[in-house]
Amino acid sequence: MSGLKSNRDLWKKIIPVAFHVDYCDHFGWRDRFAKPEFTSRQQRYAAAWGGDSLYTPGFVVNGKEWRDWFGGNVTPTSSAKVGVLRVSFSKRRKTQCQFCSGDNTTRGFSVECRIAGE
């Protein structure tokens, strides 16, 4: 993901998100950011894609694995209208989020915030 730092579409068309999985813990590869619910997400992807093994894809774009990233290819885009997510933070550690969809549909979402190092 560090390669996206210089991408002009970062935060406009591309919002990178990492979901650390825990299914490698039994190999001794413990990841302090891993969560069982992220592993469940990977299991759902594997089932949806008809895969017979569980692995971590490099990138998932719009619910589909994108394998062309290694060739420097441009990320796939969608013609769907996008929404706007606004997040504000106050000095009292209060976080307020507002999402306005581009197509006026209602979608559920949750936001989890952490201060680095905690």
N, C-alpha and C. Protein backbone atom coordinates (compact mmCIF):
# COMPACT_ATOMS: atom_id res chain seq x y z
N MET A 1 0.82 -1.19 0.00
CA MET A 1 0.00 0.00 0.00
C MET A 1 0.86 1.25 0.00
N SER A 2 2.08 1.14 0.45
CA SER A 2 2.92 2.34 0.49
C SER A 2 3.15 2.90 -0.90
N GLY A 3 3.02 2.07 -1.92
CA GLY A 3 3.17 2.53 -3.29
C GLY A 3 2.08 3.48 -3.73
N LEU A 4 1.00 3.55 -2.98
CA LEU A 4 -0.11 4.44 -3.34
C LEU A 4 0.12 5.87 -2.87
N LYS A 5 1.14 6.10 -2.05
CA LYS A 5 1.37 7.44 -1.49
C LYS A 5 1.45 8.52 -2.55
N SER A 6 2.05 8.20 -3.68
CA SER A 6 2.23 9.21 -4.73
C SER A 6 1.14 9.16 -5.79
N ASN A 7 0.15 8.29 -5.61
CA ASN A 7 -0.93 8.18 -6.60
C ASN A 7 -1.84 9.40 -6.51
N ARG A 8 -2.05 10.08 -7.62
CA ARG A 8 -2.85 11.31 -7.61
C ARG A 8 -4.31 11.05 -7.28
N ASP A 9 -4.76 9.81 -7.40
CA ASP A 9 -6.15 9.47 -7.08
C ASP A 9 -6.36 9.10 -5.62
N LEU A 10 -5.27 9.06 -4.85
CA LEU A 10 -5.39 8.69 -3.44
C LEU A 10 -6.31 9.67 -2.72
N TRP A 11 -7.27 9.13 -2.00
CA TRP A 11 -8.29 9.84 -1.23
C TRP A 11 -9.35 10.50 -2.11
N LYS A 12 -9.21 10.41 -3.43
CA LYS A 12 -10.24 10.92 -4.34
C LYS A 12 -11.00 9.75 -4.94
N LYS A 13 -10.26 8.81 -5.53
CA LYS A 13 -10.86 7.62 -6.12
C LYS A 13 -10.43 6.34 -5.41
N ILE A 14 -9.33 6.43 -4.70
CA ILE A 14 -8.78 5.25 -4.02
C ILE A 14 -8.68 5.54 -2.52
N ILE A 15 -9.29 4.68 -1.73
CA ILE A 15 -9.17 4.77 -0.27
C ILE A 15 -8.67 3.40 0.20
N PRO A 16 -7.38 3.30 0.47
CA PRO A 16 -6.84 2.00 0.88
C PRO A 16 -7.24 1.66 2.31
N VAL A 17 -7.60 0.40 2.51
CA VAL A 17 -8.00 -0.09 3.82
C VAL A 17 -7.34 -1.45 4.01
N ALA A 18 -6.78 -1.69 5.17
CA ALA A 18 -6.15 -2.98 5.46
C ALA A 18 -6.95 -3.70 6.54
N PHE A 19 -7.28 -4.96 6.28
CA PHE A 19 -7.97 -5.80 7.25
C PHE A 19 -7.03 -6.95 7.60
N HIS A 20 -6.38 -6.86 8.73
CA HIS A 20 -5.40 -7.85 9.13
C HIS A 20 -6.10 -9.11 9.65
N VAL A 21 -5.70 -10.27 9.13
CA VAL A 21 -6.33 -11.54 9.47
C VAL A 21 -5.51 -12.30 10.51
N ASP A 22 -6.19 -13.22 11.20
CA ASP A 22 -5.51 -13.98 12.25
C ASP A 22 -5.27 -15.44 11.89
N TYR A 23 -5.54 -15.85 10.66
CA TYR A 23 -5.41 -17.27 10.35
C TYR A 23 -3.96 -17.73 10.18
N CYS A 24 -3.00 -16.85 10.27
CA CYS A 24 -1.59 -17.26 10.24
C CYS A 24 -0.98 -17.30 11.64
N ASP A 25 -1.78 -16.98 12.65
CA ASP A 25 -1.28 -16.98 14.02
C ASP A 25 -0.71 -18.34 14.41
N HIS A 26 -1.36 -19.42 13.95
CA HIS A 26 -0.91 -20.75 14.35
C HIS A 26 0.44 -21.11 13.73
N PHE A 27 0.92 -20.34 12.74
CA PHE A 27 2.26 -20.53 12.18
C PHE A 27 3.31 -19.76 12.97
N GLY A 28 2.83 -18.99 13.95
CA GLY A 28 3.73 -18.14 14.71
C GLY A 28 3.86 -16.75 14.11
N TRP A 29 3.05 -16.45 13.10
CA TRP A 29 3.08 -15.13 12.45
C TRP A 29 1.99 -14.26 13.05
N ARG A 30 2.16 -13.91 14.29
CA ARG A 30 1.13 -13.13 14.99
C ARG A 30 1.14 -11.69 14.50
N ASP A 31 -0.04 -11.18 14.29
CA ASP A 31 -0.22 -9.80 13.84
C ASP A 31 -1.06 -9.09 14.89
N ARG A 32 -0.49 -8.10 15.53
CA ARG A 32 -1.21 -7.44 16.63
C ARG A 32 -2.44 -6.67 16.16
N PHE A 33 -2.56 -6.43 14.86
CA PHE A 33 -3.72 -5.73 14.33
C PHE A 33 -4.81 -6.68 13.84
N ALA A 34 -4.52 -7.98 13.84
CA ALA A 34 -5.46 -8.98 13.31
C ALA A 34 -6.70 -9.12 14.18
N LYS A 35 -7.81 -9.41 13.52
CA LYS A 35 -9.07 -9.63 14.22
C LYS A 35 -9.81 -10.80 13.57
N PRO A 36 -10.49 -11.62 14.39
CA PRO A 36 -11.25 -12.74 13.83
C PRO A 36 -12.29 -12.30 12.80
N GLU A 37 -12.90 -11.13 13.00
CA GLU A 37 -13.92 -10.70 12.04
C GLU A 37 -13.31 -10.39 10.67
N PHE A 38 -12.03 -10.03 10.62
CA PHE A 38 -11.39 -9.80 9.33
C PHE A 38 -11.12 -11.14 8.64
N THR A 39 -10.80 -12.17 9.44
CA THR A 39 -10.64 -13.51 8.88
C THR A 39 -11.98 -13.99 8.33
N SER A 40 -13.06 -13.73 9.05
CA SER A 40 -14.40 -14.11 8.56
C SER A 40 -14.70 -13.43 7.23
N ARG A 41 -14.26 -12.19 7.09
CA ARG A 41 -14.45 -11.47 5.83
C ARG A 41 -13.74 -12.21 4.70
N GLN A 42 -12.50 -12.65 4.94
CA GLN A 42 -11.75 -13.39 3.92
C GLN A 42 -12.45 -14.71 3.59
N GLN A 43 -13.03 -15.36 4.60
CA GLN A 43 -13.75 -16.61 4.37
C GLN A 43 -14.97 -16.37 3.49
N ARG A 44 -15.65 -15.25 3.70
CA ARG A 44 -16.81 -14.92 2.85
C ARG A 44 -16.37 -14.63 1.42
N TYR A 45 -15.24 -13.95 1.27
CA TYR A 45 -14.71 -13.72 -0.08
C TYR A 45 -14.41 -15.04 -0.77
N ALA A 46 -13.72 -15.94 -0.07
CA ALA A 46 -13.37 -17.24 -0.65
C ALA A 46 -14.61 -17.99 -1.10
N ALA A 47 -15.66 -17.95 -0.27
CA ALA A 47 -16.92 -18.63 -0.63
C ALA A 47 -17.57 -17.96 -1.84
N ALA A 48 -17.58 -16.64 -1.86
CA ALA A 48 -18.20 -15.91 -2.97
C ALA A 48 -17.45 -16.12 -4.28
N TRP A 49 -16.14 -16.25 -4.19
CA TRP A 49 -15.33 -16.43 -5.40
C TRP A 49 -15.21 -17.89 -5.80
N GLY A 50 -15.82 -18.79 -5.02
CA GLY A 50 -15.78 -20.21 -5.35
C GLY A 50 -14.42 -20.83 -5.12
N GLY A 51 -13.63 -20.21 -4.28
CA GLY A 51 -12.30 -20.73 -4.00
C GLY A 51 -12.33 -21.89 -3.03
N ASP A 52 -11.34 -22.76 -3.14
CA ASP A 52 -11.27 -23.90 -2.23
C ASP A 52 -10.19 -23.69 -1.16
N SER A 53 -9.57 -22.52 -1.17
CA SER A 53 -8.57 -22.24 -0.14
C SER A 53 -8.73 -20.80 0.34
N LEU A 54 -8.24 -20.58 1.53
CA LEU A 54 -8.33 -19.26 2.14
C LEU A 54 -6.97 -18.59 2.01
N TYR A 55 -6.95 -17.41 1.43
CA TYR A 55 -5.72 -16.65 1.28
C TYR A 55 -6.06 -15.17 1.30
N THR A 56 -5.04 -14.36 1.41
CA THR A 56 -5.26 -12.91 1.43
C THR A 56 -4.93 -12.34 0.06
N PRO A 57 -5.93 -11.84 -0.64
CA PRO A 57 -5.66 -11.23 -1.95
C PRO A 57 -4.91 -9.92 -1.78
N GLY A 58 -4.16 -9.53 -2.79
CA GLY A 58 -3.44 -8.26 -2.72
C GLY A 58 -4.38 -7.09 -2.61
N PHE A 59 -5.38 -7.06 -3.47
CA PHE A 59 -6.36 -5.98 -3.46
C PHE A 59 -7.74 -6.54 -3.78
N VAL A 60 -8.76 -5.94 -3.18
CA VAL A 60 -10.15 -6.23 -3.50
C VAL A 60 -10.76 -4.90 -3.90
N VAL A 61 -11.31 -4.84 -5.10
CA VAL A 61 -11.93 -3.62 -5.61
C VAL A 61 -13.38 -3.92 -5.93
N ASN A 62 -14.28 -3.22 -5.26
CA ASN A 62 -15.72 -3.42 -5.45
C ASN A 62 -16.12 -4.88 -5.27
N GLY A 63 -15.54 -5.53 -4.26
CA GLY A 63 -15.91 -6.91 -3.92
C GLY A 63 -15.27 -7.98 -4.78
N LYS A 64 -14.38 -7.60 -5.69
CA LYS A 64 -13.72 -8.58 -6.56
C LYS A 64 -12.21 -8.46 -6.41
N GLU A 65 -11.55 -9.63 -6.50
CA GLU A 65 -10.10 -9.60 -6.40
C GLU A 65 -9.52 -8.91 -7.63
N TRP A 66 -8.52 -8.05 -7.41
CA TRP A 66 -7.85 -7.37 -8.51
C TRP A 66 -6.40 -7.81 -8.51
N ARG A 67 -6.03 -8.59 -9.53
CA ARG A 67 -4.69 -9.16 -9.60
C ARG A 67 -3.73 -8.37 -10.47
N ASP A 68 -4.20 -7.37 -11.17
CA ASP A 68 -3.34 -6.63 -12.10
C ASP A 68 -2.50 -5.54 -11.44
N TRP A 69 -2.58 -5.42 -10.14
CA TRP A 69 -1.85 -4.36 -9.45
C TRP A 69 -0.34 -4.46 -9.61
N PHE A 70 0.19 -5.70 -9.68
CA PHE A 70 1.64 -5.89 -9.73
C PHE A 70 2.25 -5.42 -11.03
N GLY A 71 1.45 -5.30 -12.08
CA GLY A 71 1.96 -4.85 -13.37
C GLY A 71 1.91 -3.35 -13.53
N GLY A 72 1.54 -2.65 -12.47
CA GLY A 72 1.45 -1.21 -12.56
C GLY A 72 0.22 -0.74 -13.31
N ASN A 73 -0.73 -1.64 -13.48
CA ASN A 73 -1.95 -1.29 -14.21
C ASN A 73 -2.84 -0.38 -13.38
N VAL A 74 -3.62 0.41 -14.05
CA VAL A 74 -4.53 1.34 -13.40
C VAL A 74 -5.65 0.56 -12.72
N THR A 75 -6.03 1.02 -11.54
CA THR A 75 -7.10 0.34 -10.81
C THR A 75 -8.41 0.44 -11.58
N PRO A 76 -9.22 -0.62 -11.50
CA PRO A 76 -10.52 -0.57 -12.17
C PRO A 76 -11.40 0.50 -11.54
N THR A 77 -12.21 1.13 -12.35
CA THR A 77 -13.10 2.16 -11.84
C THR A 77 -14.54 1.76 -12.11
N SER A 78 -15.43 2.47 -11.51
CA SER A 78 -16.85 2.21 -11.66
C SER A 78 -17.52 3.48 -12.14
N SER A 79 -18.59 3.33 -12.89
CA SER A 79 -19.33 4.50 -13.35
C SER A 79 -20.40 4.90 -12.34
N ALA A 80 -20.52 4.13 -11.27
CA ALA A 80 -21.52 4.44 -10.25
C ALA A 80 -21.19 5.76 -9.57
N LYS A 81 -22.22 6.48 -9.20
CA LYS A 81 -22.00 7.73 -8.48
C LYS A 81 -21.46 7.41 -7.09
N VAL A 82 -20.49 8.17 -6.69
CA VAL A 82 -19.89 7.94 -5.38
C VAL A 82 -20.47 8.91 -4.37
N GLY A 83 -20.36 8.55 -3.13
CA GLY A 83 -20.85 9.41 -2.07
C GLY A 83 -19.72 10.19 -1.44
N VAL A 84 -20.06 10.90 -0.40
CA VAL A 84 -19.08 11.71 0.32
C VAL A 84 -19.14 11.32 1.79
N LEU A 85 -17.99 10.99 2.34
CA LEU A 85 -17.87 10.68 3.76
C LEU A 85 -17.16 11.85 4.43
N ARG A 86 -17.82 12.44 5.40
CA ARG A 86 -17.22 13.54 6.15
C ARG A 86 -17.00 13.07 7.59
N VAL A 87 -15.80 13.27 8.07
CA VAL A 87 -15.45 12.88 9.43
C VAL A 87 -14.83 14.09 10.12
N SER A 88 -15.33 14.39 11.31
CA SER A 88 -14.75 15.50 12.08
C SER A 88 -14.41 15.01 13.48
N PHE A 89 -13.37 15.57 14.02
CA PHE A 89 -12.89 15.20 15.35
C PHE A 89 -12.87 16.45 16.22
N SER A 90 -13.33 16.31 17.44
CA SER A 90 -13.28 17.45 18.36
C SER A 90 -12.15 17.22 19.37
N LYS A 91 -11.84 18.24 20.12
CA LYS A 91 -10.78 18.14 21.12
C LYS A 91 -11.17 17.21 22.26
N ARG A 92 -12.43 16.94 22.39
CA ARG A 92 -12.91 16.06 23.48
C ARG A 92 -13.03 14.61 23.03
N ARG A 93 -12.31 14.25 21.98
CA ARG A 93 -12.29 12.88 21.45
C ARG A 93 -13.64 12.44 20.91
N LYS A 94 -14.44 13.38 20.52
CA LYS A 94 -15.72 13.04 19.92
C LYS A 94 -15.53 13.00 18.40
N THR A 95 -16.02 11.94 17.79
CA THR A 95 -15.91 11.78 16.35
C THR A 95 -17.31 11.80 15.76
N GLN A 96 -17.47 12.58 14.72
CA GLN A 96 -18.77 12.64 14.05
C GLN A 96 -18.56 12.27 12.59
N CYS A 97 -19.37 11.33 12.10
CA CYS A 97 -19.28 10.88 10.71
C CYS A 97 -20.61 11.09 10.02
N GLN A 98 -20.53 11.51 8.77
CA GLN A 98 -21.73 11.68 7.96
C GLN A 98 -21.42 11.17 6.56
N PHE A 99 -22.29 10.32 6.04
CA PHE A 99 -22.11 9.80 4.69
C PHE A 99 -23.32 10.17 3.85
N CYS A 100 -23.08 10.81 2.74
CA CYS A 100 -24.15 11.15 1.78
C CYS A 100 -23.87 10.36 0.52
N SER A 101 -24.73 9.39 0.22
CA SER A 101 -24.52 8.55 -0.96
C SER A 101 -24.77 9.35 -2.23
N GLY A 102 -24.10 8.93 -3.29
CA GLY A 102 -24.25 9.61 -4.57
C GLY A 102 -25.56 9.31 -5.25
N ASP A 103 -26.21 8.22 -4.83
CA ASP A 103 -27.47 7.83 -5.48
C ASP A 103 -28.66 7.90 -4.53
N ASN A 104 -28.49 8.60 -3.42
CA ASN A 104 -29.56 8.82 -2.44
C ASN A 104 -30.12 7.54 -1.83
N THR A 105 -29.31 6.49 -1.75
CA THR A 105 -29.74 5.27 -1.08
C THR A 105 -29.18 5.27 0.33
N THR A 106 -29.83 4.52 1.20
CA THR A 106 -29.38 4.42 2.58
C THR A 106 -28.51 3.18 2.72
N ARG A 107 -27.35 3.37 3.31
CA ARG A 107 -26.44 2.24 3.54
C ARG A 107 -25.98 2.30 4.99
N GLY A 108 -25.81 1.14 5.58
CA GLY A 108 -25.29 1.09 6.93
C GLY A 108 -23.77 1.03 6.89
N PHE A 109 -23.14 1.61 7.87
CA PHE A 109 -21.70 1.51 8.00
C PHE A 109 -21.33 1.73 9.45
N SER A 110 -20.15 1.30 9.79
CA SER A 110 -19.65 1.56 11.14
C SER A 110 -18.24 2.12 11.01
N VAL A 111 -17.86 2.88 11.98
CA VAL A 111 -16.54 3.51 11.98
C VAL A 111 -15.86 3.16 13.29
N GLU A 112 -14.63 2.73 13.19
CA GLU A 112 -13.84 2.43 14.38
C GLU A 112 -12.60 3.30 14.34
N CYS A 113 -12.37 4.06 15.36
CA CYS A 113 -11.21 4.95 15.42
C CYS A 113 -10.32 4.55 16.58
N ARG A 114 -9.03 4.66 16.35
CA ARG A 114 -8.06 4.41 17.41
C ARG A 114 -6.96 5.44 17.31
N ILE A 115 -6.42 5.80 18.41
CA ILE A 115 -5.25 6.67 18.42
C ILE A 115 -4.03 5.78 18.31
N ALA A 116 -3.15 6.09 17.39
CA ALA A 116 -1.96 5.27 17.17
C ALA A 116 -1.20 5.07 18.47
N GLY A 117 -0.84 3.83 18.71
CA GLY A 117 -0.10 3.50 19.92
C GLY A 117 -0.95 3.05 21.08
N GLU A 118 -2.27 3.16 20.96
CA GLU A 118 -3.14 2.74 22.06
C GLU A 118 -3.71 1.37 21.77
